[in-house]
Each structure stands twice: as C-alpha cells, then as structure tokens.
Amino acid sequence: MLFSYVIEVYAWGVIAALAMAMGTALTICLIALFVHLMRDNAVRVSRLKGKSLSPYWAITLKILAGILFVLMGVLMLQSIGLEQSVSPLLR
C-alpha cells in the first residue's frame, strides 16, 4: 500500500491488497475443507478391521524418521558455513 501510494496508484494498491486477501481466504478455506474431509476418512478407515502389521514396522518407521531428522539437522548446520563462500555480488 505504501509503495502504491508513493508512485501515485493508490487504487491499484487497494485492488492488489483485496486480491491478496481473497487469495489467502480461499487458501485457508480449502485447507480447512481438506483437513475436515481427511479427518472423516481417517475415522472411517480406523473403524475397519484389517490385517494387522508386525510391530517391527512401527519401530522401523520411527528409526527412519529419526535418521531423516538428523540428516536435515546436519544439512542446516552445514548451510551456516556457506555464508562465507557466497559470491560478494549476492550479499
């Protein structure tokens, strides 16, 4: 809004702000609808009696998730050192 006021196209700034607000509202509504529908599906599926899996699958999944989080942490830690190797043109 400030930029549109500075370059003297205030009406376009208002229209842009309203369009962004509508886009945000639509996105939030779609996410809420998706969550609601998926929750109903999860409740319905949880009532079904299916074949039970080995308890080792849960342990394996937890270990894999832990390894993934550790790798992501290491990558973020290494990204700190990249600041010194960045080109001076990108600073």
N, C-alpha and C. Protein backbone atom coordinates (compact mmCIF):
# COMPACT_ATOMS: atom_id res chain seq x y z
N MET A 1 0.82 -1.18 0.00
CA MET A 1 0.00 0.00 0.00
C MET A 1 0.88 1.25 0.00
N LEU A 2 1.95 1.21 0.78
CA LEU A 2 2.82 2.37 0.83
C LEU A 2 3.46 2.63 -0.52
N PHE A 3 3.92 1.55 -1.16
CA PHE A 3 4.55 1.71 -2.48
C PHE A 3 3.56 2.26 -3.49
N SER A 4 2.33 1.75 -3.49
CA SER A 4 1.34 2.25 -4.45
C SER A 4 0.99 3.71 -4.15
N TYR A 5 1.03 4.09 -2.90
CA TYR A 5 0.77 5.49 -2.55
C TYR A 5 1.92 6.38 -3.04
N VAL A 6 3.15 5.87 -2.89
CA VAL A 6 4.32 6.66 -3.30
C VAL A 6 4.33 6.88 -4.80
N ILE A 7 3.99 5.86 -5.57
CA ILE A 7 4.01 6.03 -7.03
C ILE A 7 2.66 6.49 -7.58
N GLU A 8 1.78 6.90 -6.68
CA GLU A 8 0.52 7.54 -7.00
C GLU A 8 -0.44 6.65 -7.80
N VAL A 9 -0.50 5.39 -7.43
CA VAL A 9 -1.50 4.47 -8.00
C VAL A 9 -2.18 3.77 -6.82
N TYR A 10 -2.76 4.56 -5.95
CA TYR A 10 -3.34 4.05 -4.71
C TYR A 10 -4.47 3.07 -4.97
N ALA A 11 -5.27 3.32 -5.97
CA ALA A 11 -6.39 2.42 -6.28
C ALA A 11 -5.89 1.03 -6.64
N TRP A 12 -4.82 0.96 -7.40
CA TRP A 12 -4.25 -0.35 -7.77
C TRP A 12 -3.70 -1.06 -6.54
N GLY A 13 -3.17 -0.31 -5.60
CA GLY A 13 -2.69 -0.91 -4.36
C GLY A 13 -3.82 -1.51 -3.55
N VAL A 14 -4.95 -0.80 -3.50
CA VAL A 14 -6.12 -1.32 -2.79
C VAL A 14 -6.63 -2.58 -3.47
N ILE A 15 -6.70 -2.56 -4.79
CA ILE A 15 -7.16 -3.74 -5.53
C ILE A 15 -6.21 -4.91 -5.30
N ALA A 16 -4.91 -4.65 -5.30
CA ALA A 16 -3.93 -5.72 -5.06
C ALA A 16 -4.06 -6.29 -3.65
N ALA A 17 -4.26 -5.42 -2.67
CA ALA A 17 -4.42 -5.89 -1.29
C ALA A 17 -5.69 -6.73 -1.14
N LEU A 18 -6.78 -6.32 -1.78
CA LEU A 18 -8.01 -7.10 -1.73
C LEU A 18 -7.85 -8.45 -2.43
N ALA A 19 -7.13 -8.47 -3.55
CA ALA A 19 -6.89 -9.73 -4.25
C ALA A 19 -6.05 -10.68 -3.40
N MET A 20 -5.04 -10.14 -2.72
CA MET A 20 -4.22 -10.99 -1.83
C MET A 20 -5.05 -11.51 -0.67
N ALA A 21 -5.94 -10.67 -0.13
CA ALA A 21 -6.80 -11.11 0.97
C ALA A 21 -7.74 -12.21 0.52
N MET A 22 -8.31 -12.07 -0.66
CA MET A 22 -9.20 -13.11 -1.20
C MET A 22 -8.44 -14.41 -1.44
N GLY A 23 -7.23 -14.30 -1.97
CA GLY A 23 -6.42 -15.49 -2.20
C GLY A 23 -6.08 -16.20 -0.91
N THR A 24 -5.73 -15.43 0.11
CA THR A 24 -5.43 -16.02 1.41
C THR A 24 -6.65 -16.69 2.01
N ALA A 25 -7.79 -16.02 1.93
CA ALA A 25 -9.03 -16.59 2.48
C ALA A 25 -9.41 -17.87 1.76
N LEU A 26 -9.30 -17.88 0.44
CA LEU A 26 -9.62 -19.07 -0.33
C LEU A 26 -8.68 -20.22 0.02
N THR A 27 -7.40 -19.93 0.16
CA THR A 27 -6.43 -20.96 0.51
C THR A 27 -6.73 -21.56 1.88
N ILE A 28 -7.00 -20.72 2.86
CA ILE A 28 -7.30 -21.20 4.21
C ILE A 28 -8.58 -22.03 4.21
N CYS A 29 -9.59 -21.59 3.47
CA CYS A 29 -10.85 -22.36 3.40
C CYS A 29 -10.63 -23.72 2.75
N LEU A 30 -9.84 -23.77 1.69
CA LEU A 30 -9.56 -25.05 1.04
C LEU A 30 -8.76 -25.99 1.94
N ILE A 31 -7.81 -25.45 2.68
CA ILE A 31 -7.04 -26.28 3.62
C ILE A 31 -7.96 -26.82 4.71
N ALA A 32 -8.86 -25.98 5.23
CA ALA A 32 -9.79 -26.43 6.28
C ALA A 32 -10.73 -27.51 5.74
N LEU A 33 -11.20 -27.34 4.52
CA LEU A 33 -12.07 -28.35 3.92
C LEU A 33 -11.33 -29.67 3.72
N PHE A 34 -10.09 -29.58 3.25
CA PHE A 34 -9.28 -30.79 3.06
C PHE A 34 -9.05 -31.51 4.38
N VAL A 35 -8.72 -30.77 5.44
CA VAL A 35 -8.49 -31.38 6.75
C VAL A 35 -9.78 -32.04 7.26
N HIS A 36 -10.91 -31.38 7.09
CA HIS A 36 -12.18 -31.93 7.55
C HIS A 36 -12.50 -33.24 6.82
N LEU A 37 -12.34 -33.25 5.50
CA LEU A 37 -12.63 -34.45 4.72
C LEU A 37 -11.66 -35.59 5.06
N MET A 38 -10.39 -35.26 5.22
CA MET A 38 -9.41 -36.30 5.54
C MET A 38 -9.63 -36.85 6.94
N ARG A 39 -10.11 -36.01 7.86
CA ARG A 39 -10.39 -36.50 9.21
C ARG A 39 -11.53 -37.51 9.17
N ASP A 40 -12.57 -37.18 8.42
CA ASP A 40 -13.69 -38.12 8.30
C ASP A 40 -13.24 -39.44 7.68
N ASN A 41 -12.38 -39.35 6.66
CA ASN A 41 -11.86 -40.57 6.04
C ASN A 41 -11.01 -41.37 7.03
N ALA A 42 -10.20 -40.70 7.82
CA ALA A 42 -9.34 -41.40 8.78
C ALA A 42 -10.18 -42.09 9.84
N VAL A 43 -11.24 -41.44 10.31
CA VAL A 43 -12.12 -42.05 11.30
C VAL A 43 -12.81 -43.27 10.70
N ARG A 44 -13.26 -43.15 9.46
CA ARG A 44 -13.95 -44.27 8.81
C ARG A 44 -13.00 -45.45 8.60
N VAL A 45 -11.78 -45.17 8.18
CA VAL A 45 -10.81 -46.24 7.94
C VAL A 45 -10.37 -46.89 9.25
N SER A 46 -10.30 -46.11 10.32
CA SER A 46 -9.85 -46.67 11.59
C SER A 46 -10.87 -47.65 12.17
N ARG A 47 -12.12 -47.56 11.74
CA ARG A 47 -13.14 -48.48 12.22
C ARG A 47 -13.07 -49.84 11.52
N LEU A 48 -12.41 -49.89 10.37
CA LEU A 48 -12.33 -51.13 9.62
C LEU A 48 -11.35 -52.08 10.30
N LYS A 49 -11.68 -53.33 10.31
CA LYS A 49 -10.79 -54.34 10.86
C LYS A 49 -10.00 -54.93 9.70
N GLY A 50 -8.76 -54.61 9.62
CA GLY A 50 -7.92 -55.10 8.54
C GLY A 50 -6.82 -55.99 9.08
N LYS A 51 -5.92 -56.33 8.20
CA LYS A 51 -4.79 -57.16 8.59
C LYS A 51 -3.82 -56.31 9.41
N SER A 52 -3.45 -56.80 10.57
CA SER A 52 -2.52 -56.04 11.41
C SER A 52 -1.09 -56.32 10.97
N LEU A 53 -0.28 -55.28 11.03
CA LEU A 53 1.12 -55.40 10.62
C LEU A 53 1.98 -55.77 11.81
N SER A 54 3.15 -56.21 11.50
CA SER A 54 4.12 -56.56 12.53
C SER A 54 4.50 -55.31 13.32
N PRO A 55 4.75 -55.44 14.63
CA PRO A 55 5.15 -54.26 15.41
C PRO A 55 6.51 -53.71 14.99
N TYR A 56 7.26 -54.51 14.26
CA TYR A 56 8.58 -54.04 13.81
C TYR A 56 8.47 -52.95 12.74
N TRP A 57 7.34 -52.87 12.04
CA TRP A 57 7.16 -51.81 11.07
C TRP A 57 7.14 -50.44 11.74
N ALA A 58 6.49 -50.34 12.88
CA ALA A 58 6.43 -49.06 13.60
C ALA A 58 7.82 -48.65 14.07
N ILE A 59 8.57 -49.61 14.59
CA ILE A 59 9.92 -49.31 15.06
C ILE A 59 10.80 -48.87 13.89
N THR A 60 10.69 -49.58 12.76
CA THR A 60 11.48 -49.24 11.58
C THR A 60 11.13 -47.84 11.08
N LEU A 61 9.85 -47.53 11.05
CA LEU A 61 9.42 -46.20 10.60
C LEU A 61 9.94 -45.10 11.52
N LYS A 62 9.92 -45.34 12.83
CA LYS A 62 10.44 -44.36 13.78
C LYS A 62 11.93 -44.14 13.60
N ILE A 63 12.67 -45.22 13.36
CA ILE A 63 14.11 -45.11 13.16
C ILE A 63 14.41 -44.34 11.88
N LEU A 64 13.69 -44.65 10.80
CA LEU A 64 13.89 -43.93 9.54
C LEU A 64 13.55 -42.45 9.68
N ALA A 65 12.49 -42.14 10.39
CA ALA A 65 12.13 -40.73 10.61
C ALA A 65 13.20 -40.03 11.42
N GLY A 66 13.74 -40.71 12.43
CA GLY A 66 14.83 -40.12 13.22
C GLY A 66 16.06 -39.85 12.39
N ILE A 67 16.42 -40.80 11.52
CA ILE A 67 17.57 -40.60 10.63
C ILE A 67 17.32 -39.42 9.70
N LEU A 68 16.10 -39.32 9.17
CA LEU A 68 15.77 -38.20 8.29
C LEU A 68 15.92 -36.86 9.01
N PHE A 69 15.44 -36.78 10.25
CA PHE A 69 15.56 -35.52 11.01
C PHE A 69 17.01 -35.19 11.33
N VAL A 70 17.80 -36.19 11.64
CA VAL A 70 19.22 -35.94 11.91
C VAL A 70 19.91 -35.44 10.65
N LEU A 71 19.61 -36.04 9.50
CA LEU A 71 20.21 -35.58 8.24
C LEU A 71 19.78 -34.15 7.91
N MET A 72 18.52 -33.83 8.14
CA MET A 72 18.07 -32.46 7.89
C MET A 72 18.78 -31.48 8.82
N GLY A 73 18.98 -31.87 10.07
CA GLY A 73 19.71 -31.01 11.01
C GLY A 73 21.14 -30.79 10.58
N VAL A 74 21.79 -31.85 10.11
CA VAL A 74 23.17 -31.73 9.64
C VAL A 74 23.23 -30.81 8.42
N LEU A 75 22.29 -30.95 7.51
CA LEU A 75 22.26 -30.07 6.34
C LEU A 75 22.07 -28.61 6.73
N MET A 76 21.19 -28.35 7.70
CA MET A 76 21.00 -26.97 8.15
C MET A 76 22.26 -26.44 8.84
N LEU A 77 22.93 -27.31 9.59
CA LEU A 77 24.16 -26.90 10.25
C LEU A 77 25.24 -26.57 9.23
N GLN A 78 25.32 -27.36 8.17
CA GLN A 78 26.32 -27.10 7.14
C GLN A 78 26.00 -25.84 6.34
N SER A 79 24.73 -25.48 6.26
CA SER A 79 24.37 -24.28 5.50
C SER A 79 24.88 -23.01 6.16
N ILE A 80 25.19 -23.07 7.45
CA ILE A 80 25.75 -21.91 8.14
C ILE A 80 27.11 -21.57 7.55
N GLY A 81 27.88 -22.60 7.22
CA GLY A 81 29.21 -22.38 6.66
C GLY A 81 29.20 -21.88 5.24
N LEU A 82 28.08 -21.94 4.56
CA LEU A 82 28.02 -21.49 3.18
C LEU A 82 28.04 -19.97 3.05
N GLU A 83 27.77 -19.27 4.14
CA GLU A 83 27.73 -17.81 4.08
C GLU A 83 29.09 -17.22 3.70
N GLN A 84 30.16 -17.87 4.10
CA GLN A 84 31.48 -17.35 3.78
C GLN A 84 31.85 -17.61 2.32
N SER A 85 31.26 -18.62 1.70
CA SER A 85 31.63 -18.96 0.33
C SER A 85 30.70 -18.35 -0.72
N VAL A 86 29.79 -17.49 -0.29
CA VAL A 86 28.86 -16.86 -1.23
C VAL A 86 29.57 -15.74 -1.96
N SER A 87 29.24 -15.59 -3.22
CA SER A 87 29.85 -14.53 -4.03
C SER A 87 29.52 -13.15 -3.43
N PRO A 88 30.46 -12.23 -3.49
CA PRO A 88 30.20 -10.88 -2.96
C PRO A 88 29.06 -10.17 -3.69
N LEU A 89 28.75 -10.61 -4.91
CA LEU A 89 27.66 -9.98 -5.66
C LEU A 89 26.29 -10.35 -5.09
N LEU A 90 26.22 -11.45 -4.35
CA LEU A 90 24.95 -11.92 -3.82
C LEU A 90 24.70 -11.45 -2.39
N ARG A 91 25.60 -10.73 -1.82
CA ARG A 91 25.44 -10.26 -0.43
C ARG A 91 24.62 -9.02 -0.37
